[in-house]
Amino acid sequence: MPSMSLFLSQLFNGLATGLLLALISTGLTIIYGTLGVINFAHGALFVVGGYAGYTVYGLTGSFVLAVAGGAAVALACGLVMERGLMRKYYSRPPEDQILVTFGISIILVEIVRGLYGGVSLSVTPPDWGTGIARIGSLIYPLYRLETLGIAAVTLLLLYFVLYRTSLGLIVRAGIEDAQMVNALGINVKRTFLLVFGIGAMAAGFAGVINSPIVALTPDMGFRYLVESFVVVVIGGVGSFPGAVVGGIIAGEILSLTAMINPQYSDVMLFVAMALVLIFRPQGLMGQEGRE
């Protein structure tokens, strides 16, 4: 029987993992919800951000600059992808989008492998993240606790931009009727380019803040991509709040199951997804009948 301190520790681990998955999934669901693109390169953008942050951290010794650098490189990759290729696939069948983004993910991962090799790289937490935090009787790694707060603030910021600013209003109006928005003199293509970039940046940002917790490897993006898709299905495709709720549920399932038997963590996650699909096919916070 697990002790109370172990249970609380796993509960915090699950929340931290969940918010990280929510951050990755939010980028995924923003791109799908606004542009209708199933971006299989999202996990690779997570990897690119993590490795770019690793490089900046090594050059400058500043983790803040590393986060900014990793997010900026992922943003640049997203903008190049959208402008150079994806724009031509918006009106193509979903399977074409899947194939092209999957191909991009392979190219990005192999570029990372060629530059850094296939070995795992560890990133030390910044000075302000070393040590432990005491929460009552619970002793918890300080950086994990700070990661929880960083992810939560970033999600709130993304929500504010998309749902409380004129940019978010234009994006959501463009989804409903792009021609009407264009007729009002607003460049929808430029807005969609920015949305794709924001989604990519969220993945890269998550890759950097996760790097002191889990060692960097070129292939790690695939696991996070799969888990992020599960989160999106649980929460509801295209739903920002759904990505957050789904991420927290997924994180707690993975963490609490690992406390009992780590081998069944992924199994329980997919069982949860199957139950959601059976009883609420649109996801916990998705819209019924959404195309």
C-alpha atoms as a PDB file:
ATOM      1  CA  MET A   1       0.000   0.000   0.000  1.00  0.00           C
ATOM      2  CA  PRO A   2       1.598   3.326  -1.057  1.00  0.00           C
ATOM      3  CA  SER A   3       2.286   5.824   1.706  1.00  0.00           C
ATOM      4  CA  MET A   4       0.440   9.146   1.814  1.00  0.00           C
ATOM      5  CA  SER A   5       3.628  11.084   0.982  1.00  0.00           C
ATOM      6  CA  LEU A   6       4.229   8.890  -2.090  1.00  0.00           C
ATOM      7  CA  PHE A   7       0.616   9.337  -3.171  1.00  0.00           C
ATOM      8  CA  LEU A   8       0.856  13.144  -2.847  1.00  0.00           C
ATOM      9  CA  SER A   9       4.165  13.165  -4.683  1.00  0.00           C
ATOM     10  CA  GLN A  10       2.682  11.171  -7.568  1.00  0.00           C
ATOM     11  CA  LEU A  11      -0.338  13.463  -7.535  1.00  0.00           C
ATOM     12  CA  PHE A  12       1.946  16.474  -8.062  1.00  0.00           C
ATOM     13  CA  ASN A  13       3.920  14.560 -10.699  1.00  0.00           C
ATOM     14  CA  GLY A  14       0.678  13.827 -12.498  1.00  0.00           C
ATOM     15  CA  LEU A  15      -0.357  17.473 -12.391  1.00  0.00           C
ATOM     16  CA  ALA A  16       3.033  18.618 -13.710  1.00  0.00           C
ATOM     17  CA  THR A  17       2.985  15.992 -16.466  1.00  0.00           C
ATOM     18  CA  GLY A  18      -0.617  16.827 -17.245  1.00  0.00           C
ATOM     19  CA  LEU A  19       0.007  20.537 -17.672  1.00  0.00           C
ATOM     20  CA  LEU A  20       3.019  19.789 -19.868  1.00  0.00           C
ATOM     21  CA  LEU A  21       0.879  17.482 -22.034  1.00  0.00           C
ATOM     22  CA  ALA A  22      -1.820  20.152 -22.046  1.00  0.00           C
ATOM     23  CA  LEU A  23       0.706  22.697 -23.313  1.00  0.00           C
ATOM     24  CA  ILE A  24       1.809  20.395 -26.141  1.00  0.00           C
ATOM     25  CA  SER A  25      -1.772  19.375 -26.921  1.00  0.00           C
ATOM     26  CA  THR A  26      -2.929  22.975 -26.949  1.00  0.00           C
ATOM     27  CA  GLY A  27      -0.560  23.709 -29.816  1.00  0.00           C
ATOM     28  CA  LEU A  28      -1.845  20.614 -31.575  1.00  0.00           C
ATOM     29  CA  THR A  29      -5.489  21.483 -31.070  1.00  0.00           C
ATOM     30  CA  ILE A  30      -4.996  25.173 -31.960  1.00  0.00           C
ATOM     31  CA  ILE A  31      -3.580  24.165 -35.350  1.00  0.00           C
ATOM     32  CA  TYR A  32      -6.286  21.568 -35.941  1.00  0.00           C
ATOM     33  CA  GLY A  33      -9.108  23.694 -34.581  1.00  0.00           C
ATOM     34  CA  THR A  34      -8.221  26.728 -36.651  1.00  0.00           C
ATOM     35  CA  LEU A  35      -6.669  25.321 -39.782  1.00  0.00           C
ATOM     36  CA  GLY A  36      -8.017  21.766 -39.860  1.00  0.00           C
ATOM     37  CA  VAL A  37      -4.492  20.349 -40.113  1.00  0.00           C
ATOM     38  CA  ILE A  38      -3.590  17.146 -38.246  1.00  0.00           C
ATOM     39  CA  ASN A  39       0.014  18.031 -37.542  1.00  0.00           C
ATOM     40  CA  PHE A  40       2.067  14.864 -37.126  1.00  0.00           C
ATOM     41  CA  ALA A  41       5.210  17.020 -37.004  1.00  0.00           C
ATOM     42  CA  HIS A  42       4.167  18.462 -33.627  1.00  0.00           C
ATOM     43  CA  GLY A  43       6.263  15.950 -31.665  1.00  0.00           C
ATOM     44  CA  ALA A  44       9.286  16.756 -33.823  1.00  0.00           C
ATOM     45  CA  LEU A  45       8.801  20.474 -33.084  1.00  0.00           C
ATOM     46  CA  PHE A  46       8.840  19.548 -29.378  1.00  0.00           C
ATOM     47  CA  VAL A  47      12.212  17.836 -29.976  1.00  0.00           C
ATOM     48  CA  VAL A  48      13.581  20.741 -32.013  1.00  0.00           C
ATOM     49  CA  GLY A  49      12.643  23.195 -29.262  1.00  0.00           C
ATOM     50  CA  GLY A  50      14.270  21.034 -26.596  1.00  0.00           C
ATOM     51  CA  TYR A  51      17.553  20.679 -28.493  1.00  0.00           C
ATOM     52  CA  ALA A  52      17.646  24.339 -29.504  1.00  0.00           C
ATOM     53  CA  GLY A  53      17.148  25.284 -25.847  1.00  0.00           C
ATOM     54  CA  TYR A  54      19.947  22.875 -24.900  1.00  0.00           C
ATOM     55  CA  THR A  55      22.306  24.665 -27.313  1.00  0.00           C
ATOM     56  CA  VAL A  56      21.377  28.156 -26.131  1.00  0.00           C
ATOM     57  CA  TYR A  57      21.680  27.060 -22.501  1.00  0.00           C
ATOM     58  CA  GLY A  58      25.162  25.688 -23.180  1.00  0.00           C
ATOM     59  CA  LEU A  59      26.263  28.881 -24.934  1.00  0.00           C
ATOM     60  CA  THR A  60      24.806  31.436 -22.543  1.00  0.00           C
ATOM     61  CA  GLY A  61      24.287  29.621 -19.236  1.00  0.00           C
ATOM     62  CA  SER A  62      20.876  31.308 -19.024  1.00  0.00           C
ATOM     63  CA  PHE A  63      17.847  29.027 -18.859  1.00  0.00           C
ATOM     64  CA  VAL A  64      15.519  31.943 -19.582  1.00  0.00           C
ATOM     65  CA  LEU A  65      17.363  32.593 -22.846  1.00  0.00           C
ATOM     66  CA  ALA A  66      17.285  28.848 -23.535  1.00  0.00           C
ATOM     67  CA  VAL A  67      13.485  28.838 -23.221  1.00  0.00           C
ATOM     68  CA  ALA A  68      13.220  31.894 -25.471  1.00  0.00           C
ATOM     69  CA  GLY A  69      15.665  30.382 -27.982  1.00  0.00           C
ATOM     70  CA  GLY A  70      13.953  26.983 -28.110  1.00  0.00           C
ATOM     71  CA  ALA A  71      10.529  28.553 -28.524  1.00  0.00           C
ATOM     72  CA  ALA A  72      11.857  30.928 -31.216  1.00  0.00           C
ATOM     73  CA  VAL A  73      13.442  28.118 -33.249  1.00  0.00           C
ATOM     74  CA  ALA A  74      10.226  26.065 -33.067  1.00  0.00           C
ATOM     75  CA  LEU A  75       8.270  29.190 -34.070  1.00  0.00           C
ATOM     76  CA  ALA A  76      10.561  29.705 -37.063  1.00  0.00           C
ATOM     77  CA  CYS A  77      10.145  26.047 -38.092  1.00  0.00           C
ATOM     78  CA  GLY A  78       6.375  26.396 -37.830  1.00  0.00           C
ATOM     79  CA  LEU A  79       6.324  29.552 -39.943  1.00  0.00           C
ATOM     80  CA  VAL A  80       8.497  27.961 -42.629  1.00  0.00           C
ATOM     81  CA  MET A  81       6.311  24.845 -42.634  1.00  0.00           C
ATOM     82  CA  GLU A  82       3.103  26.827 -42.992  1.00  0.00           C
ATOM     83  CA  ARG A  83       4.366  29.297 -45.553  1.00  0.00           C
ATOM     84  CA  GLY A  84       6.454  26.862 -47.579  1.00  0.00           C
ATOM     85  CA  LEU A  85       4.254  23.781 -47.633  1.00  0.00           C
ATOM     86  CA  MET A  86       1.204  23.434 -45.408  1.00  0.00           C
ATOM     87  CA  ARG A  87      -0.703  26.340 -46.965  1.00  0.00           C
ATOM     88  CA  LYS A  88      -0.976  24.263 -50.141  1.00  0.00           C
ATOM     89  CA  TYR A  89      -2.518  21.378 -48.207  1.00  0.00           C
ATOM     90  CA  TYR A  90      -5.362  23.155 -46.382  1.00  0.00           C
ATOM     91  CA  SER A  91      -7.856  22.113 -49.043  1.00  0.00           C
ATOM     92  CA  ARG A  92      -6.365  18.656 -49.531  1.00  0.00           C
ATOM     93  CA  PRO A  93      -7.753  15.458 -47.921  1.00  0.00           C
ATOM     94  CA  PRO A  94      -6.669  14.771 -44.295  1.00  0.00           C
ATOM     95  CA  GLU A  95      -4.573  11.780 -45.351  1.00  0.00           C
ATOM     96  CA  ASP A  96      -2.425  14.075 -47.521  1.00  0.00           C
ATOM     97  CA  GLN A  97      -1.881  16.378 -44.541  1.00  0.00           C
ATOM     98  CA  ILE A  98      -0.963  13.434 -42.321  1.00  0.00           C
ATOM     99  CA  LEU A  99       1.543  12.102 -44.845  1.00  0.00           C
ATOM    100  CA  VAL A 100       3.247  15.428 -45.443  1.00  0.00           C
ATOM    101  CA  THR A 101       3.493  16.362 -41.744  1.00  0.00           C
ATOM    102  CA  PHE A 102       4.716  12.847 -40.924  1.00  0.00           C
ATOM    103  CA  GLY A 103       7.401  13.265 -43.591  1.00  0.00           C
ATOM    104  CA  ILE A 104       8.392  16.635 -42.109  1.00  0.00           C
ATOM    105  CA  SER A 105       8.658  15.068 -38.658  1.00  0.00           C
ATOM    106  CA  ILE A 106      11.064  12.402 -39.973  1.00  0.00           C
ATOM    107  CA  ILE A 107      13.204  15.070 -41.655  1.00  0.00           C
ATOM    108  CA  LEU A 108      13.341  17.237 -38.517  1.00  0.00           C
ATOM    109  CA  VAL A 109      14.217  14.308 -36.239  1.00  0.00           C
ATOM    110  CA  GLU A 110      16.960  13.108 -38.585  1.00  0.00           C
ATOM    111  CA  ILE A 111      18.408  16.634 -38.767  1.00  0.00           C
ATOM    112  CA  VAL A 112      18.510  16.695 -34.948  1.00  0.00           C
ATOM    113  CA  ARG A 113      20.101  13.225 -34.906  1.00  0.00           C
ATOM    114  CA  GLY A 114      22.695  14.311 -37.449  1.00  0.00           C
ATOM    115  CA  LEU A 115      23.604  17.438 -35.453  1.00  0.00           C
ATOM    116  CA  TYR A 116      23.607  16.000 -31.925  1.00  0.00           C
ATOM    117  CA  GLY A 117      23.966  12.227 -32.408  1.00  0.00           C
ATOM    118  CA  GLY A 118      21.616   9.553 -31.145  1.00  0.00           C
ATOM    119  CA  VAL A 119      22.737   9.566 -27.510  1.00  0.00           C
ATOM    120  CA  SER A 120      20.617  11.064 -24.754  1.00  0.00           C
ATOM    121  CA  LEU A 121      21.596  14.481 -23.413  1.00  0.00           C
ATOM    122  CA  SER A 122      20.881  15.700 -19.903  1.00  0.00           C
ATOM    123  CA  VAL A 123      20.104  19.293 -18.995  1.00  0.00           C
ATOM    124  CA  THR A 124      20.767  20.557 -15.484  1.00  0.00           C
ATOM    125  CA  PRO A 125      18.021  22.649 -13.873  1.00  0.00           C
ATOM    126  CA  PRO A 126      18.757  26.383 -13.563  1.00  0.00           C
ATOM    127  CA  ASP A 127      20.084  27.721 -10.264  1.00  0.00           C
ATOM    128  CA  TRP A 128      16.633  28.985  -9.289  1.00  0.00           C
ATOM    129  CA  GLY A 129      15.237  25.490  -9.852  1.00  0.00           C
ATOM    130  CA  THR A 130      17.676  23.413  -7.838  1.00  0.00           C
ATOM    131  CA  GLY A 131      16.809  22.072  -4.431  1.00  0.00           C
ATOM    132  CA  ILE A 132      13.593  20.903  -2.888  1.00  0.00           C
ATOM    133  CA  ALA A 133      10.337  22.446  -1.765  1.00  0.00           C
ATOM    134  CA  ARG A 134       8.461  21.478   1.391  1.00  0.00           C
ATOM    135  CA  ILE A 135       4.669  21.381   1.158  1.00  0.00           C
ATOM    136  CA  GLY A 136       3.525  20.269   4.575  1.00  0.00           C
ATOM    137  CA  SER A 137       5.077  16.861   5.061  1.00  0.00           C
ATOM    138  CA  LEU A 138       5.758  16.490   1.346  1.00  0.00           C
ATOM    139  CA  ILE A 139       9.275  17.050  -0.002  1.00  0.00           C
ATOM    140  CA  TYR A 140       9.174  17.789  -3.703  1.00  0.00           C
ATOM    141  CA  PRO A 141      11.785  18.793  -6.352  1.00  0.00           C
ATOM    142  CA  LEU A 142      11.677  22.579  -6.713  1.00  0.00           C
ATOM    143  CA  TYR A 143      12.071  22.626 -10.496  1.00  0.00           C
ATOM    144  CA  ARG A 144       9.105  20.280 -11.037  1.00  0.00           C
ATOM    145  CA  LEU A 145       6.989  22.577  -8.901  1.00  0.00           C
ATOM    146  CA  GLU A 146       8.153  25.601 -10.882  1.00  0.00           C
ATOM    147  CA  THR A 147       7.455  23.776 -14.158  1.00  0.00           C
ATOM    148  CA  LEU A 148       3.895  23.312 -12.996  1.00  0.00           C
ATOM    149  CA  GLY A 149       3.534  27.048 -12.450  1.00  0.00           C
ATOM    150  CA  ILE A 150       5.263  27.987 -15.736  1.00  0.00           C
ATOM    151  CA  ALA A 151       3.014  25.671 -17.762  1.00  0.00           C
ATOM    152  CA  ALA A 152      -0.116  26.976 -16.007  1.00  0.00           C
ATOM    153  CA  VAL A 153       0.797  30.628 -16.649  1.00  0.00           C
ATOM    154  CA  THR A 154       1.653  29.896 -20.294  1.00  0.00           C
ATOM    155  CA  LEU A 155      -1.694  28.149 -20.829  1.00  0.00           C
ATOM    156  CA  LEU A 156      -3.526  31.114 -19.317  1.00  0.00           C
ATOM    157  CA  LEU A 157      -1.590  33.465 -21.605  1.00  0.00           C
ATOM    158  CA  LEU A 158      -2.440  31.391 -24.678  1.00  0.00           C
ATOM    159  CA  TYR A 159      -6.092  31.314 -23.660  1.00  0.00           C
ATOM    160  CA  PHE A 160      -6.101  35.098 -23.190  1.00  0.00           C
ATOM    161  CA  VAL A 161      -4.548  35.667 -26.640  1.00  0.00           C
ATOM    162  CA  LEU A 162      -6.965  33.337 -28.420  1.00  0.00           C
ATOM    163  CA  TYR A 163     -10.182  34.199 -26.554  1.00  0.00           C
ATOM    164  CA  ARG A 164      -9.755  37.711 -25.212  1.00  0.00           C
ATOM    165  CA  THR A 165      -7.907  39.633 -27.942  1.00  0.00           C
ATOM    166  CA  SER A 166      -8.757  40.895 -31.423  1.00  0.00           C
ATOM    167  CA  LEU A 167      -6.289  38.387 -32.893  1.00  0.00           C
ATOM    168  CA  GLY A 168      -8.220  35.514 -31.363  1.00  0.00           C
ATOM    169  CA  LEU A 169     -11.478  37.022 -32.609  1.00  0.00           C
ATOM    170  CA  ILE A 170     -10.108  37.244 -36.157  1.00  0.00           C
ATOM    171  CA  VAL A 171      -8.831  33.676 -36.005  1.00  0.00           C
ATOM    172  CA  ARG A 172     -12.148  32.283 -34.845  1.00  0.00           C
ATOM    173  CA  ALA A 173     -14.053  34.402 -37.378  1.00  0.00           C
ATOM    174  CA  GLY A 174     -11.703  33.223 -40.118  1.00  0.00           C
ATOM    175  CA  ILE A 175     -12.489  29.630 -39.293  1.00  0.00           C
ATOM    176  CA  GLU A 176     -16.211  30.244 -39.676  1.00  0.00           C
ATOM    177  CA  ASP A 177     -16.055  32.345 -42.842  1.00  0.00           C
ATOM    178  CA  ALA A 178     -12.638  33.206 -44.283  1.00  0.00           C
ATOM    179  CA  GLN A 179     -14.117  34.986 -47.320  1.00  0.00           C
ATOM    180  CA  MET A 180     -16.149  37.358 -45.164  1.00  0.00           C
ATOM    181  CA  VAL A 181     -13.116  38.171 -43.008  1.00  0.00           C
ATOM    182  CA  ASN A 182     -11.079  38.815 -46.167  1.00  0.00           C
ATOM    183  CA  ALA A 183     -13.849  41.111 -47.438  1.00  0.00           C
ATOM    184  CA  LEU A 184     -13.437  43.170 -44.249  1.00  0.00           C
ATOM    185  CA  GLY A 185      -9.839  43.873 -45.255  1.00  0.00           C
ATOM    186  CA  ILE A 186      -8.227  41.418 -42.840  1.00  0.00           C
ATOM    187  CA  ASN A 187      -5.474  39.188 -44.200  1.00  0.00           C
ATOM    188  CA  VAL A 188      -6.660  35.772 -43.059  1.00  0.00           C
ATOM    189  CA  LYS A 189      -3.658  33.967 -44.549  1.00  0.00           C
ATOM    190  CA  ARG A 190      -1.291  36.044 -42.446  1.00  0.00           C
ATOM    191  CA  THR A 191      -3.381  35.343 -39.356  1.00  0.00           C
ATOM    192  CA  PHE A 192      -3.375  31.608 -40.040  1.00  0.00           C
ATOM    193  CA  LEU A 193       0.409  31.760 -40.509  1.00  0.00           C
ATOM    194  CA  LEU A 194       0.675  33.300 -37.061  1.00  0.00           C
ATOM    195  CA  VAL A 195      -1.607  30.634 -35.563  1.00  0.00           C
ATOM    196  CA  PHE A 196       0.518  27.836 -36.989  1.00  0.00           C
ATOM    197  CA  GLY A 197       3.580  29.565 -35.574  1.00  0.00           C
ATOM    198  CA  ILE A 198       2.002  29.897 -32.113  1.00  0.00           C
ATOM    199  CA  GLY A 199       1.101  26.201 -32.105  1.00  0.00           C
ATOM    200  CA  ALA A 200       4.655  25.245 -33.069  1.00  0.00           C
ATOM    201  CA  MET A 201       6.091  27.632 -30.479  1.00  0.00           C
ATOM    202  CA  ALA A 202       4.003  26.010 -27.729  1.00  0.00           C
ATOM    203  CA  ALA A 203       5.547  22.632 -28.605  1.00  0.00           C
ATOM    204  CA  GLY A 204       9.079  24.065 -28.622  1.00  0.00           C
ATOM    205  CA  PHE A 205       8.498  25.899 -25.342  1.00  0.00           C
ATOM    206  CA  ALA A 206       7.291  22.663 -23.725  1.00  0.00           C
ATOM    207  CA  GLY A 207      10.356  20.857 -25.076  1.00  0.00           C
ATOM    208  CA  VAL A 208      12.714  23.264 -23.304  1.00  0.00           C
ATOM    209  CA  ILE A 209      11.013  23.385 -19.897  1.00  0.00           C
ATOM    210  CA  ASN A 210      10.752  19.582 -19.934  1.00  0.00           C
ATOM    211  CA  SER A 211      14.461  19.067 -20.746  1.00  0.00           C
ATOM    212  CA  PRO A 212      15.764  19.238 -17.113  1.00  0.00           C
ATOM    213  CA  ILE A 213      13.183  16.575 -16.152  1.00  0.00           C
ATOM    214  CA  VAL A 214      13.570  14.018 -18.955  1.00  0.00           C
ATOM    215  CA  ALA A 215      16.785  13.434 -20.947  1.00  0.00           C
ATOM    216  CA  LEU A 216      16.743  14.661 -24.539  1.00  0.00           C
ATOM    217  CA  THR A 217      16.693  12.049 -27.301  1.00  0.00           C
ATOM    218  CA  PRO A 218      15.829  12.578 -30.975  1.00  0.00           C
ATOM    219  CA  ASP A 219      12.996  10.026 -30.823  1.00  0.00           C
ATOM    220  CA  MET A 220      11.260  11.273 -27.668  1.00  0.00           C
ATOM    221  CA  GLY A 221       8.806  13.377 -29.666  1.00  0.00           C
ATOM    222  CA  PHE A 222       6.905  10.327 -30.921  1.00  0.00           C
ATOM    223  CA  ARG A 223       5.830   9.323 -27.405  1.00  0.00           C
ATOM    224  CA  TYR A 224       4.668  12.840 -26.562  1.00  0.00           C
ATOM    225  CA  LEU A 225       2.881  13.089 -29.912  1.00  0.00           C
ATOM    226  CA  VAL A 226       0.896   9.916 -29.236  1.00  0.00           C
ATOM    227  CA  GLU A 227       0.031  11.002 -25.690  1.00  0.00           C
ATOM    228  CA  SER A 228      -0.960  14.443 -26.976  1.00  0.00           C
ATOM    229  CA  PHE A 229      -3.346  12.924 -29.502  1.00  0.00           C
ATOM    230  CA  VAL A 230      -4.895  10.893 -26.680  1.00  0.00           C
ATOM    231  CA  VAL A 231      -5.252  14.100 -24.648  1.00  0.00           C
ATOM    232  CA  VAL A 232      -6.954  15.855 -27.572  1.00  0.00           C
ATOM    233  CA  VAL A 233      -9.376  12.932 -28.036  1.00  0.00           C
ATOM    234  CA  ILE A 234     -10.212  12.826 -24.312  1.00  0.00           C
ATOM    235  CA  GLY A 235     -10.678  16.580 -24.039  1.00  0.00           C
ATOM    236  CA  GLY A 236     -12.420  17.093 -27.362  1.00  0.00           C
ATOM    237  CA  VAL A 237     -10.903  17.852 -30.758  1.00  0.00           C
ATOM    238  CA  GLY A 238     -10.403  21.586 -31.289  1.00  0.00           C
ATOM    239  CA  SER A 239     -11.301  22.519 -27.696  1.00  0.00           C
ATOM    240  CA  PHE A 240      -8.711  24.598 -25.810  1.00  0.00           C
ATOM    241  CA  PRO A 241     -10.241  23.936 -22.352  1.00  0.00           C
ATOM    242  CA  GLY A 242     -10.617  20.305 -23.384  1.00  0.00           C
ATOM    243  CA  ALA A 243      -6.866  20.059 -24.065  1.00  0.00           C
ATOM    244  CA  VAL A 244      -6.161  21.364 -20.541  1.00  0.00           C
ATOM    245  CA  VAL A 245      -8.671  19.047 -18.854  1.00  0.00           C
ATOM    246  CA  GLY A 246      -7.585  16.091 -20.979  1.00  0.00           C
ATOM    247  CA  GLY A 247      -3.922  16.810 -20.224  1.00  0.00           C
ATOM    248  CA  ILE A 248      -4.484  16.846 -16.476  1.00  0.00           C
ATOM    249  CA  ILE A 249      -6.529  13.623 -16.626  1.00  0.00           C
ATOM    250  CA  ALA A 250      -3.872  11.920 -18.752  1.00  0.00           C
ATOM    251  CA  GLY A 251      -1.061  13.110 -16.487  1.00  0.00           C
ATOM    252  CA  GLU A 252      -2.778  11.803 -13.363  1.00  0.00           C
ATOM    253  CA  ILE A 253      -3.572   8.451 -15.008  1.00  0.00           C
ATOM    254  CA  LEU A 254       0.057   8.004 -16.084  1.00  0.00           C
ATOM    255  CA  SER A 255       1.456   9.062 -12.720  1.00  0.00           C
ATOM    256  CA  LEU A 256      -0.923   7.242 -10.370  1.00  0.00           C
ATOM    257  CA  THR A 257      -0.847   4.030 -12.415  1.00  0.00           C
ATOM    258  CA  ALA A 258       2.966   4.154 -12.416  1.00  0.00           C
ATOM    259  CA  MET A 259       2.835   4.229  -8.605  1.00  0.00           C
ATOM    260  CA  ILE A 260       1.143   0.804  -8.643  1.00  0.00           C
ATOM    261  CA  ASN A 261       2.532  -0.781 -11.812  1.00  0.00           C
ATOM    262  CA  PRO A 262       4.445   1.329 -14.414  1.00  0.00           C
ATOM    263  CA  GLN A 263       3.880  -1.296 -17.109  1.00  0.00           C
ATOM    264  CA  TYR A 264       0.167  -0.486 -17.192  1.00  0.00           C
ATOM    265  CA  SER A 265       0.456   3.320 -17.387  1.00  0.00           C
ATOM    266  CA  ASP A 266       0.015   3.552 -21.146  1.00  0.00           C
ATOM    267  CA  VAL A 267      -2.606   0.799 -21.096  1.00  0.00           C
ATOM    268  CA  MET A 268      -4.749   2.709 -18.606  1.00  0.00           C
ATOM    269  CA  LEU A 269      -4.368   5.895 -20.655  1.00  0.00           C
ATOM    270  CA  PHE A 270      -5.743   4.188 -23.752  1.00  0.00           C
ATOM    271  CA  VAL A 271      -8.483   2.525 -21.702  1.00  0.00           C
ATOM    272  CA  ALA A 272      -9.545   5.991 -20.543  1.00  0.00           C
ATOM    273  CA  MET A 273      -9.553   7.224 -24.133  1.00  0.00           C
ATOM    274  CA  ALA A 274     -11.644   4.235 -25.236  1.00  0.00           C
ATOM    275  CA  LEU A 275     -14.193   4.861 -22.461  1.00  0.00           C
ATOM    276  CA  VAL A 276     -14.491   8.521 -23.467  1.00  0.00           C
ATOM    277  CA  LEU A 277     -14.996   7.556 -27.112  1.00  0.00           C
ATOM    278  CA  ILE A 278     -17.714   5.057 -26.106  1.00  0.00           C
ATOM    279  CA  PHE A 279     -19.716   7.301 -23.785  1.00  0.00           C
ATOM    280  CA  ARG A 280     -18.910  10.749 -25.219  1.00  0.00           C
ATOM    281  CA  PRO A 281     -17.461  10.468 -28.751  1.00  0.00           C
ATOM    282  CA  GLN A 282     -16.962  14.237 -29.094  1.00  0.00           C
ATOM    283  CA  GLY A 283     -14.679  14.289 -26.038  1.00  0.00           C
ATOM    284  CA  LEU A 284     -15.321  15.671 -22.572  1.00  0.00           C
ATOM    285  CA  MET A 285     -15.502  19.288 -23.732  1.00  0.00           C
ATOM    286  CA  GLY A 286     -15.842  18.902 -27.498  1.00  0.00           C
ATOM    287  CA  GLN A 287     -18.801  19.958 -29.570  1.00  0.00           C
ATOM    288  CA  GLU A 288     -21.153  17.298 -30.869  1.00  0.00           C
ATOM    289  CA  GLY A 289     -21.262  17.138 -34.640  1.00  0.00           C
ATOM    290  CA  ARG A 290     -18.103  19.201 -35.071  1.00  0.00           C
ATOM    291  CA  GLU A 291     -16.476  18.442 -38.409  1.00  0.00           C
END
